[in-house]
């Protein structure tokens, strides 16, 4: 949706803490809705406030965003604490129609996402889905003004296994 606000959150090891993760997600969501108000005071990783106050507040915060959004959270494989996954689950549970959360990981999706898959609210993309075929790679290279023969393009795409960045790197190195 061209009117949706995009936002991204790249995780780092220090965000493997439910309070730090929640605060970071609140910061990412604040620009697309009403003021976050008192939710910042609810940010805690300590029970019972974590489950009784913070998680429901995060779900409500996400649900009350005024504009459609796409929240991208990269590197969720860095989250080893179950409470951090509880934070992500609370965010996912509040996503309103028209908005999306994209969770990116280099590992298989967490088990808690199974419910979203069963409710047809989850799409899983793997390496095969993201790789470019010959035609797509050719269009990308042509769009960048790189003219290759059919044999050169086939060789580059084959060596890059369909990954556009790898193909571009090979073309730049070879030229």
N, C-alpha and C. Protein backbone atom coordinates (compact mmCIF):
# COMPACT_ATOMS: atom_id res chain seq x y z
N UNK A 1 0.85 -1.18 0.00
CA UNK A 1 0.00 0.00 0.00
C UNK A 1 0.89 1.24 0.00
N UNK A 2 0.79 2.09 -1.02
CA UNK A 2 1.66 3.25 -1.10
C UNK A 2 1.42 4.27 0.02
N UNK A 3 0.28 4.22 0.69
CA UNK A 3 0.03 5.18 1.77
C UNK A 3 0.52 4.67 3.11
N UNK A 4 0.94 3.42 3.16
CA UNK A 4 1.41 2.84 4.43
C UNK A 4 2.75 3.44 4.80
N UNK A 5 2.93 3.67 6.05
CA UNK A 5 4.22 4.14 6.55
C UNK A 5 5.11 2.92 6.74
N UNK A 6 6.32 3.00 6.28
CA UNK A 6 7.25 1.90 6.46
C UNK A 6 8.16 2.18 7.64
N UNK A 7 8.53 1.16 8.34
CA UNK A 7 9.48 1.30 9.43
C UNK A 7 10.23 0.00 9.55
N UNK A 8 11.43 0.08 10.02
CA UNK A 8 12.22 -1.14 10.17
C UNK A 8 12.88 -1.14 11.53
N UNK A 9 13.12 -2.32 12.02
CA UNK A 9 13.81 -2.48 13.31
C UNK A 9 14.80 -3.63 13.13
N UNK A 10 16.07 -3.30 13.13
CA UNK A 10 17.10 -4.33 13.04
C UNK A 10 17.52 -4.66 14.46
N UNK A 11 17.46 -5.92 14.79
CA UNK A 11 17.77 -6.33 16.15
C UNK A 11 19.28 -6.47 16.34
N UNK A 12 19.66 -6.28 17.55
CA UNK A 12 21.05 -6.45 17.96
C UNK A 12 21.04 -7.27 19.24
N UNK A 13 22.15 -7.87 19.59
CA UNK A 13 22.16 -8.71 20.79
C UNK A 13 21.65 -8.01 22.05
N UNK A 14 21.87 -6.69 22.19
CA UNK A 14 21.40 -6.02 23.40
C UNK A 14 19.88 -5.94 23.47
N UNK A 15 19.20 -6.19 22.36
CA UNK A 15 17.74 -6.17 22.36
C UNK A 15 17.15 -7.53 22.74
N UNK A 16 18.00 -8.47 23.13
CA UNK A 16 17.51 -9.75 23.64
C UNK A 16 17.16 -9.58 25.11
N UNK A 17 16.43 -8.53 25.36
CA UNK A 17 15.93 -8.18 26.69
C UNK A 17 14.52 -7.64 26.45
N UNK A 18 13.52 -8.18 27.11
CA UNK A 18 12.14 -7.78 26.79
C UNK A 18 11.88 -6.29 26.96
N UNK A 19 12.50 -5.66 27.96
CA UNK A 19 12.29 -4.21 28.16
C UNK A 19 12.91 -3.41 27.02
N UNK A 20 14.13 -3.74 26.65
CA UNK A 20 14.81 -3.02 25.56
C UNK A 20 14.08 -3.24 24.24
N UNK A 21 13.65 -4.46 23.99
CA UNK A 21 12.92 -4.74 22.75
C UNK A 21 11.60 -3.99 22.72
N UNK A 22 10.85 -4.02 23.80
CA UNK A 22 9.56 -3.32 23.86
C UNK A 22 9.76 -1.83 23.64
N UNK A 23 10.75 -1.23 24.29
CA UNK A 23 11.01 0.21 24.14
C UNK A 23 11.36 0.54 22.70
N UNK A 24 12.14 -0.31 22.06
CA UNK A 24 12.54 -0.08 20.68
C UNK A 24 11.33 -0.18 19.73
N UNK A 25 10.46 -1.14 19.97
CA UNK A 25 9.27 -1.29 19.13
C UNK A 25 8.29 -0.13 19.35
N UNK A 26 8.18 0.33 20.57
CA UNK A 26 7.33 1.50 20.86
C UNK A 26 7.86 2.70 20.08
N UNK A 27 9.17 2.90 20.10
CA UNK A 27 9.77 4.00 19.34
C UNK A 27 9.45 3.89 17.84
N UNK A 28 9.49 2.67 17.31
CA UNK A 28 9.21 2.47 15.89
C UNK A 28 7.75 2.72 15.55
N UNK A 29 6.84 2.39 16.46
CA UNK A 29 5.40 2.51 16.20
C UNK A 29 4.84 3.90 16.51
N UNK A 30 5.50 4.64 17.35
CA UNK A 30 4.97 5.94 17.78
C UNK A 30 4.66 6.90 16.63
N UNK A 31 5.50 7.01 15.59
CA UNK A 31 5.23 7.99 14.54
C UNK A 31 3.96 7.75 13.71
N UNK A 32 3.37 6.56 13.77
CA UNK A 32 2.21 6.28 12.92
C UNK A 32 0.89 6.25 13.68
N UNK A 33 0.86 6.91 14.82
CA UNK A 33 -0.40 6.91 15.56
C UNK A 33 -0.39 7.95 16.65
N UNK A 34 -1.42 7.91 17.48
CA UNK A 34 -1.48 8.87 18.58
C UNK A 34 -0.32 8.68 19.54
N UNK A 35 -0.08 9.68 20.35
CA UNK A 35 1.00 9.62 21.33
C UNK A 35 0.90 8.33 22.14
N UNK A 36 2.05 7.77 22.44
CA UNK A 36 2.07 6.49 23.13
C UNK A 36 1.69 6.61 24.60
N UNK A 37 1.72 7.82 25.13
CA UNK A 37 1.26 8.05 26.49
C UNK A 37 2.00 7.26 27.53
N UNK A 38 1.24 6.64 28.41
CA UNK A 38 1.81 6.00 29.58
C UNK A 38 2.40 4.62 29.33
N UNK A 39 2.37 4.13 28.12
CA UNK A 39 2.91 2.78 27.89
C UNK A 39 4.39 2.71 28.25
N UNK A 40 5.12 3.81 28.08
CA UNK A 40 6.54 3.78 28.41
C UNK A 40 6.75 3.45 29.89
N UNK A 41 5.84 3.89 30.72
CA UNK A 41 5.97 3.59 32.15
C UNK A 41 5.66 2.12 32.45
N UNK A 42 5.03 1.43 31.49
CA UNK A 42 4.70 0.01 31.68
C UNK A 42 5.82 -0.91 31.22
N UNK A 43 6.85 -0.32 30.60
CA UNK A 43 7.93 -1.15 30.05
C UNK A 43 8.73 -1.76 31.19
N UNK A 44 8.61 -3.07 31.28
CA UNK A 44 9.33 -3.84 32.29
C UNK A 44 9.47 -5.27 31.81
N UNK A 45 10.47 -5.94 32.30
CA UNK A 45 10.62 -7.36 32.03
C UNK A 45 10.33 -8.19 33.26
N UNK A 46 9.87 -7.51 34.30
CA UNK A 46 9.65 -8.16 35.60
C UNK A 46 8.17 -8.47 35.77
N UNK A 47 7.87 -9.67 36.22
CA UNK A 47 6.49 -10.07 36.50
C UNK A 47 6.05 -9.50 37.84
N UNK A 48 4.78 -9.22 38.02
CA UNK A 48 3.66 -9.50 37.13
C UNK A 48 3.40 -8.40 36.12
N UNK A 49 4.12 -7.27 36.23
CA UNK A 49 3.87 -6.15 35.32
C UNK A 49 4.09 -6.47 33.86
N UNK A 50 5.04 -7.36 33.58
CA UNK A 50 5.34 -7.72 32.20
C UNK A 50 4.11 -8.32 31.52
N UNK A 51 3.55 -9.36 32.10
CA UNK A 51 2.40 -10.04 31.49
C UNK A 51 1.10 -9.28 31.69
N UNK A 52 0.94 -8.66 32.87
CA UNK A 52 -0.34 -8.02 33.20
C UNK A 52 -0.49 -6.63 32.59
N UNK A 53 0.63 -5.90 32.43
CA UNK A 53 0.53 -4.53 31.93
C UNK A 53 1.17 -4.33 30.57
N UNK A 54 2.43 -4.73 30.44
CA UNK A 54 3.18 -4.41 29.23
C UNK A 54 2.63 -5.12 28.00
N UNK A 55 2.47 -6.43 28.05
CA UNK A 55 2.03 -7.16 26.85
C UNK A 55 0.66 -6.67 26.36
N UNK A 56 -0.36 -6.53 27.23
CA UNK A 56 -1.64 -6.00 26.74
C UNK A 56 -1.51 -4.56 26.21
N UNK A 57 -0.65 -3.76 26.84
CA UNK A 57 -0.46 -2.38 26.38
C UNK A 57 0.17 -2.35 24.99
N UNK A 58 1.11 -3.24 24.72
CA UNK A 58 1.71 -3.32 23.38
C UNK A 58 0.68 -3.70 22.33
N UNK A 59 -0.15 -4.68 22.65
CA UNK A 59 -1.19 -5.10 21.70
C UNK A 59 -2.13 -3.93 21.40
N UNK A 60 -2.54 -3.21 22.45
CA UNK A 60 -3.43 -2.04 22.25
C UNK A 60 -2.72 -0.95 21.45
N UNK A 61 -1.45 -0.70 21.75
CA UNK A 61 -0.69 0.32 21.03
C UNK A 61 -0.69 0.04 19.54
N UNK A 62 -0.37 -1.18 19.17
CA UNK A 62 -0.32 -1.55 17.75
C UNK A 62 -1.70 -1.38 17.12
N UNK A 63 -2.73 -1.80 17.82
CA UNK A 63 -4.10 -1.74 17.28
C UNK A 63 -4.60 -0.32 17.10
N UNK A 64 -4.02 0.65 17.81
CA UNK A 64 -4.51 2.02 17.75
C UNK A 64 -3.71 2.93 16.84
N UNK A 65 -2.83 2.37 16.03
CA UNK A 65 -2.07 3.22 15.12
C UNK A 65 -3.04 3.84 14.11
N UNK A 66 -2.88 5.12 13.83
CA UNK A 66 -3.81 5.87 12.98
C UNK A 66 -3.58 5.62 11.49
N UNK A 67 -2.38 5.24 11.13
CA UNK A 67 -2.06 5.00 9.72
C UNK A 67 -1.65 3.56 9.53
N UNK A 68 -1.91 3.04 8.34
CA UNK A 68 -1.42 1.71 8.00
C UNK A 68 0.11 1.74 8.05
N UNK A 69 0.70 0.62 8.42
CA UNK A 69 2.15 0.57 8.53
C UNK A 69 2.64 -0.82 8.17
N UNK A 70 3.92 -0.88 7.89
CA UNK A 70 4.65 -2.14 7.74
C UNK A 70 5.82 -2.06 8.71
N UNK A 71 5.80 -2.92 9.70
CA UNK A 71 6.88 -2.98 10.69
C UNK A 71 7.74 -4.18 10.34
N UNK A 72 9.00 -3.93 10.02
CA UNK A 72 9.93 -5.00 9.67
C UNK A 72 10.89 -5.19 10.83
N UNK A 73 10.92 -6.40 11.37
CA UNK A 73 11.83 -6.72 12.47
C UNK A 73 12.79 -7.78 11.94
N UNK A 74 14.03 -7.37 11.78
CA UNK A 74 15.04 -8.25 11.19
C UNK A 74 15.85 -8.94 12.28
N UNK A 75 16.36 -10.10 11.93
CA UNK A 75 17.28 -10.86 12.79
C UNK A 75 16.63 -11.38 14.07
N UNK A 76 15.37 -11.85 13.98
CA UNK A 76 14.73 -12.34 15.20
C UNK A 76 15.41 -13.61 15.74
N UNK A 77 16.29 -14.20 14.97
CA UNK A 77 17.03 -15.35 15.48
C UNK A 77 17.95 -14.94 16.63
N UNK A 78 18.21 -13.64 16.79
CA UNK A 78 19.03 -13.16 17.89
C UNK A 78 18.27 -13.14 19.22
N UNK A 79 16.95 -13.29 19.15
CA UNK A 79 16.14 -13.28 20.37
C UNK A 79 16.10 -14.69 20.95
N UNK A 80 16.79 -14.86 22.06
CA UNK A 80 16.85 -16.18 22.69
C UNK A 80 15.94 -16.29 23.91
N UNK A 81 15.52 -15.18 24.44
CA UNK A 81 14.68 -15.18 25.65
C UNK A 81 13.21 -15.29 25.27
N UNK A 82 12.51 -16.18 25.93
CA UNK A 82 11.09 -16.38 25.61
C UNK A 82 10.27 -15.12 25.83
N UNK A 83 10.64 -14.30 26.79
CA UNK A 83 9.91 -13.06 27.04
C UNK A 83 10.00 -12.12 25.84
N UNK A 84 11.11 -12.15 25.10
CA UNK A 84 11.23 -11.33 23.89
C UNK A 84 10.24 -11.81 22.83
N UNK A 85 10.08 -13.11 22.73
CA UNK A 85 9.10 -13.64 21.78
C UNK A 85 7.68 -13.31 22.23
N UNK A 86 7.46 -13.22 23.54
CA UNK A 86 6.16 -12.77 24.04
C UNK A 86 5.88 -11.33 23.60
N UNK A 87 6.91 -10.49 23.59
CA UNK A 87 6.77 -9.11 23.13
C UNK A 87 6.38 -9.10 21.65
N UNK A 88 7.09 -9.87 20.83
CA UNK A 88 6.76 -9.92 19.40
C UNK A 88 5.35 -10.45 19.17
N UNK A 89 4.97 -11.47 19.92
CA UNK A 89 3.62 -12.04 19.79
C UNK A 89 2.57 -10.99 20.13
N UNK A 90 2.78 -10.21 21.20
CA UNK A 90 1.83 -9.17 21.59
C UNK A 90 1.69 -8.13 20.47
N UNK A 91 2.80 -7.78 19.84
CA UNK A 91 2.75 -6.83 18.72
C UNK A 91 1.96 -7.44 17.56
N UNK A 92 2.26 -8.68 17.21
CA UNK A 92 1.57 -9.35 16.09
C UNK A 92 0.07 -9.49 16.35
N UNK A 93 -0.31 -9.72 17.58
CA UNK A 93 -1.73 -9.89 17.90
C UNK A 93 -2.52 -8.60 17.73
N UNK A 94 -1.86 -7.45 17.78
CA UNK A 94 -2.57 -6.19 17.67
C UNK A 94 -2.61 -5.59 16.28
N UNK A 95 -1.97 -6.21 15.30
CA UNK A 95 -1.87 -5.61 13.97
C UNK A 95 -3.25 -5.40 13.36
N UNK A 96 -3.60 -4.15 13.06
CA UNK A 96 -4.91 -3.87 12.48
C UNK A 96 -4.96 -4.18 10.99
N UNK A 97 -6.16 -4.34 10.44
CA UNK A 97 -6.29 -4.55 8.99
C UNK A 97 -5.60 -3.41 8.23
N UNK A 98 -4.90 -3.77 7.19
CA UNK A 98 -4.18 -2.78 6.38
C UNK A 98 -2.73 -2.63 6.77
N UNK A 99 -2.34 -3.16 7.91
CA UNK A 99 -0.96 -3.07 8.36
C UNK A 99 -0.34 -4.46 8.38
N UNK A 100 0.99 -4.50 8.44
CA UNK A 100 1.69 -5.78 8.42
C UNK A 100 2.92 -5.72 9.31
N UNK A 101 3.28 -6.88 9.83
CA UNK A 101 4.55 -7.05 10.53
C UNK A 101 5.31 -8.13 9.77
N UNK A 102 6.55 -7.82 9.43
CA UNK A 102 7.42 -8.79 8.76
C UNK A 102 8.53 -9.16 9.73
N UNK A 103 8.58 -10.43 10.10
CA UNK A 103 9.62 -10.93 10.98
C UNK A 103 10.63 -11.69 10.13
N UNK A 104 11.87 -11.24 10.14
CA UNK A 104 12.90 -11.86 9.32
C UNK A 104 13.87 -12.63 10.21
N UNK A 105 14.22 -13.82 9.74
CA UNK A 105 15.11 -14.67 10.51
C UNK A 105 15.93 -15.54 9.57
N UNK A 106 17.10 -15.88 10.01
CA UNK A 106 17.94 -16.81 9.27
C UNK A 106 17.70 -18.24 9.72
N UNK A 107 16.77 -18.42 10.66
CA UNK A 107 16.40 -19.74 11.16
C UNK A 107 14.91 -19.96 10.91
N UNK A 108 14.44 -21.17 11.16
CA UNK A 108 13.02 -21.46 11.01
C UNK A 108 12.20 -20.55 11.92
N UNK A 109 10.96 -20.24 11.51
CA UNK A 109 10.13 -19.34 12.33
C UNK A 109 9.87 -19.95 13.71
N UNK A 110 9.70 -19.08 14.71
CA UNK A 110 9.39 -19.58 16.06
C UNK A 110 8.06 -20.33 16.08
N UNK A 111 7.94 -21.27 16.99
CA UNK A 111 6.75 -22.11 17.11
C UNK A 111 5.49 -21.29 17.34
N UNK A 112 5.59 -20.19 18.09
CA UNK A 112 4.39 -19.41 18.42
C UNK A 112 3.73 -18.82 17.18
N UNK A 113 4.41 -18.77 16.06
CA UNK A 113 3.81 -18.25 14.83
C UNK A 113 2.85 -19.24 14.19
N UNK A 114 2.81 -20.48 14.67
CA UNK A 114 1.94 -21.51 14.09
C UNK A 114 0.48 -21.08 14.11
N UNK A 115 0.05 -20.43 15.18
CA UNK A 115 -1.34 -19.97 15.26
C UNK A 115 -1.67 -18.99 14.14
N UNK A 116 -0.74 -18.08 13.84
CA UNK A 116 -0.96 -17.11 12.77
C UNK A 116 -1.01 -17.81 11.41
N UNK A 117 -0.19 -18.85 11.24
CA UNK A 117 -0.21 -19.63 10.01
C UNK A 117 -1.55 -20.35 9.88
N UNK A 118 -2.04 -20.95 10.98
CA UNK A 118 -3.31 -21.68 10.96
C UNK A 118 -4.48 -20.75 10.65
N UNK A 119 -4.38 -19.50 11.06
CA UNK A 119 -5.44 -18.52 10.81
C UNK A 119 -5.24 -17.79 9.48
N UNK A 120 -4.31 -18.28 8.66
CA UNK A 120 -4.01 -17.71 7.35
C UNK A 120 -3.58 -16.25 7.44
N UNK A 121 -2.86 -15.92 8.49
CA UNK A 121 -2.35 -14.57 8.68
C UNK A 121 -0.84 -14.51 8.54
N UNK A 122 -0.24 -15.59 8.08
CA UNK A 122 1.20 -15.67 7.99
C UNK A 122 1.61 -16.21 6.63
N UNK A 123 2.57 -15.54 6.04
CA UNK A 123 3.18 -16.02 4.81
C UNK A 123 4.65 -16.25 5.12
N UNK A 124 5.15 -17.42 4.80
CA UNK A 124 6.55 -17.74 5.00
C UNK A 124 7.25 -17.75 3.66
N UNK A 125 8.33 -17.00 3.56
CA UNK A 125 9.13 -16.97 2.35
C UNK A 125 10.51 -17.52 2.67
N UNK A 126 10.99 -18.37 1.80
CA UNK A 126 12.32 -18.94 1.98
C UNK A 126 13.25 -18.52 0.86
N UNK A 127 14.45 -19.04 0.86
CA UNK A 127 15.43 -18.66 -0.16
C UNK A 127 14.95 -18.88 -1.59
N UNK A 128 14.23 -19.97 -1.83
CA UNK A 128 13.75 -20.25 -3.19
C UNK A 128 12.76 -19.18 -3.64
N UNK A 129 11.93 -18.69 -2.70
CA UNK A 129 10.95 -17.66 -3.03
C UNK A 129 11.60 -16.32 -3.35
N UNK A 130 12.75 -16.07 -2.77
CA UNK A 130 13.40 -14.77 -2.91
C UNK A 130 14.40 -14.70 -4.06
N UNK A 131 14.83 -15.84 -4.54
CA UNK A 131 15.82 -15.87 -5.62
C UNK A 131 15.18 -15.43 -6.93
N UNK A 132 15.94 -14.71 -7.74
CA UNK A 132 15.48 -14.28 -9.05
C UNK A 132 15.67 -15.41 -10.06
N UNK A 133 14.74 -15.52 -10.99
CA UNK A 133 14.94 -16.46 -12.10
C UNK A 133 15.72 -15.73 -13.20
N UNK A 134 15.97 -16.41 -14.32
CA UNK A 134 16.75 -15.81 -15.41
C UNK A 134 16.12 -14.52 -15.92
N UNK A 135 14.79 -14.55 -16.11
CA UNK A 135 14.10 -13.38 -16.65
C UNK A 135 14.20 -12.19 -15.70
N UNK A 136 13.93 -12.44 -14.41
CA UNK A 136 13.99 -11.36 -13.42
C UNK A 136 15.40 -10.80 -13.29
N UNK A 137 16.39 -11.68 -13.31
CA UNK A 137 17.78 -11.22 -13.23
C UNK A 137 18.14 -10.38 -14.44
N UNK A 138 17.69 -10.83 -15.61
CA UNK A 138 17.94 -10.07 -16.83
C UNK A 138 17.32 -8.69 -16.78
N UNK A 139 16.08 -8.61 -16.30
CA UNK A 139 15.40 -7.32 -16.17
C UNK A 139 16.13 -6.39 -15.20
N UNK A 140 16.61 -6.96 -14.09
CA UNK A 140 17.35 -6.16 -13.12
C UNK A 140 18.63 -5.62 -13.75
N UNK A 141 19.40 -6.48 -14.38
CA UNK A 141 20.67 -6.06 -14.97
C UNK A 141 20.44 -5.03 -16.07
N UNK A 142 19.43 -5.26 -16.91
CA UNK A 142 19.12 -4.29 -17.97
C UNK A 142 18.66 -2.97 -17.38
N UNK A 143 17.84 -3.04 -16.33
CA UNK A 143 17.36 -1.83 -15.69
C UNK A 143 18.48 -0.99 -15.09
N UNK A 144 19.57 -1.63 -14.76
CA UNK A 144 20.73 -0.93 -14.22
C UNK A 144 21.70 -0.51 -15.33
N UNK A 145 21.30 -0.75 -16.57
CA UNK A 145 22.13 -0.35 -17.70
C UNK A 145 23.29 -1.28 -17.99
N UNK A 146 23.22 -2.50 -17.46
CA UNK A 146 24.29 -3.48 -17.70
C UNK A 146 23.87 -4.38 -18.84
N UNK A 147 24.65 -4.34 -19.90
CA UNK A 147 24.34 -5.14 -21.08
C UNK A 147 25.23 -6.38 -21.08
N UNK A 148 24.59 -7.54 -20.99
CA UNK A 148 25.32 -8.80 -21.02
C UNK A 148 24.75 -9.65 -22.14
N UNK A 149 25.59 -10.48 -22.69
CA UNK A 149 25.09 -11.44 -23.67
C UNK A 149 24.24 -12.47 -22.92
N UNK A 150 23.46 -13.23 -23.66
CA UNK A 150 22.62 -14.27 -23.06
C UNK A 150 23.48 -15.26 -22.27
N UNK A 151 24.62 -15.66 -22.84
CA UNK A 151 25.51 -16.60 -22.15
C UNK A 151 26.09 -16.00 -20.88
N UNK A 152 26.50 -14.72 -20.94
CA UNK A 152 27.05 -14.06 -19.75
C UNK A 152 26.01 -13.96 -18.64
N UNK A 153 24.79 -13.56 -19.02
CA UNK A 153 23.73 -13.43 -18.03
C UNK A 153 23.41 -14.78 -17.39
N UNK A 154 23.32 -15.82 -18.21
CA UNK A 154 23.04 -17.16 -17.69
C UNK A 154 24.14 -17.61 -16.73
N UNK A 155 25.38 -17.34 -17.10
CA UNK A 155 26.51 -17.72 -16.24
C UNK A 155 26.47 -16.97 -14.92
N UNK A 156 26.22 -15.67 -14.96
CA UNK A 156 26.17 -14.85 -13.73
C UNK A 156 25.03 -15.30 -12.84
N UNK A 157 23.84 -15.49 -13.41
CA UNK A 157 22.68 -15.90 -12.63
C UNK A 157 22.91 -17.27 -12.02
N UNK A 158 23.49 -18.17 -12.78
CA UNK A 158 23.76 -19.51 -12.27
C UNK A 158 24.76 -19.47 -11.12
N UNK A 159 25.84 -18.72 -11.29
CA UNK A 159 26.85 -18.61 -10.24
C UNK A 159 26.30 -17.94 -8.99
N UNK A 160 25.39 -16.97 -9.17
CA UNK A 160 24.82 -16.24 -8.02
C UNK A 160 23.64 -16.98 -7.41
N UNK A 161 23.24 -18.09 -8.03
CA UNK A 161 22.12 -18.89 -7.55
C UNK A 161 20.84 -18.06 -7.40
N UNK A 162 20.69 -17.06 -8.28
CA UNK A 162 19.48 -16.25 -8.28
C UNK A 162 19.48 -15.07 -7.33
N UNK A 163 20.55 -14.89 -6.58
CA UNK A 163 20.58 -13.78 -5.62
C UNK A 163 21.05 -12.51 -6.33
N UNK A 164 20.19 -11.50 -6.40
CA UNK A 164 20.49 -10.30 -7.18
C UNK A 164 21.75 -9.57 -6.72
N UNK A 165 21.97 -9.46 -5.43
CA UNK A 165 23.16 -8.75 -4.95
C UNK A 165 24.42 -9.48 -5.36
N UNK A 166 24.40 -10.79 -5.28
CA UNK A 166 25.56 -11.57 -5.69
C UNK A 166 25.81 -11.41 -7.19
N UNK A 167 24.73 -11.39 -7.96
CA UNK A 167 24.87 -11.21 -9.41
C UNK A 167 25.48 -9.85 -9.71
N UNK A 168 25.01 -8.81 -9.04
CA UNK A 168 25.56 -7.47 -9.26
C UNK A 168 27.02 -7.41 -8.88
N UNK A 169 27.38 -8.04 -7.78
CA UNK A 169 28.77 -8.04 -7.35
C UNK A 169 29.65 -8.73 -8.39
N UNK A 170 29.17 -9.83 -8.95
CA UNK A 170 29.96 -10.55 -9.96
C UNK A 170 30.13 -9.71 -11.22
N UNK A 171 29.07 -9.05 -11.62
CA UNK A 171 29.15 -8.22 -12.84
C UNK A 171 30.13 -7.07 -12.61
N UNK A 172 30.06 -6.45 -11.43
CA UNK A 172 30.96 -5.32 -11.13
C UNK A 172 32.40 -5.78 -11.06
N UNK A 173 32.67 -6.95 -10.50
CA UNK A 173 34.02 -7.47 -10.38
C UNK A 173 34.54 -7.88 -11.75
N UNK A 174 33.70 -8.52 -12.56
CA UNK A 174 34.12 -8.98 -13.88
C UNK A 174 34.36 -7.83 -14.85
N UNK A 175 33.69 -6.70 -14.62
CA UNK A 175 33.84 -5.56 -15.55
C UNK A 175 34.82 -4.61 -15.03
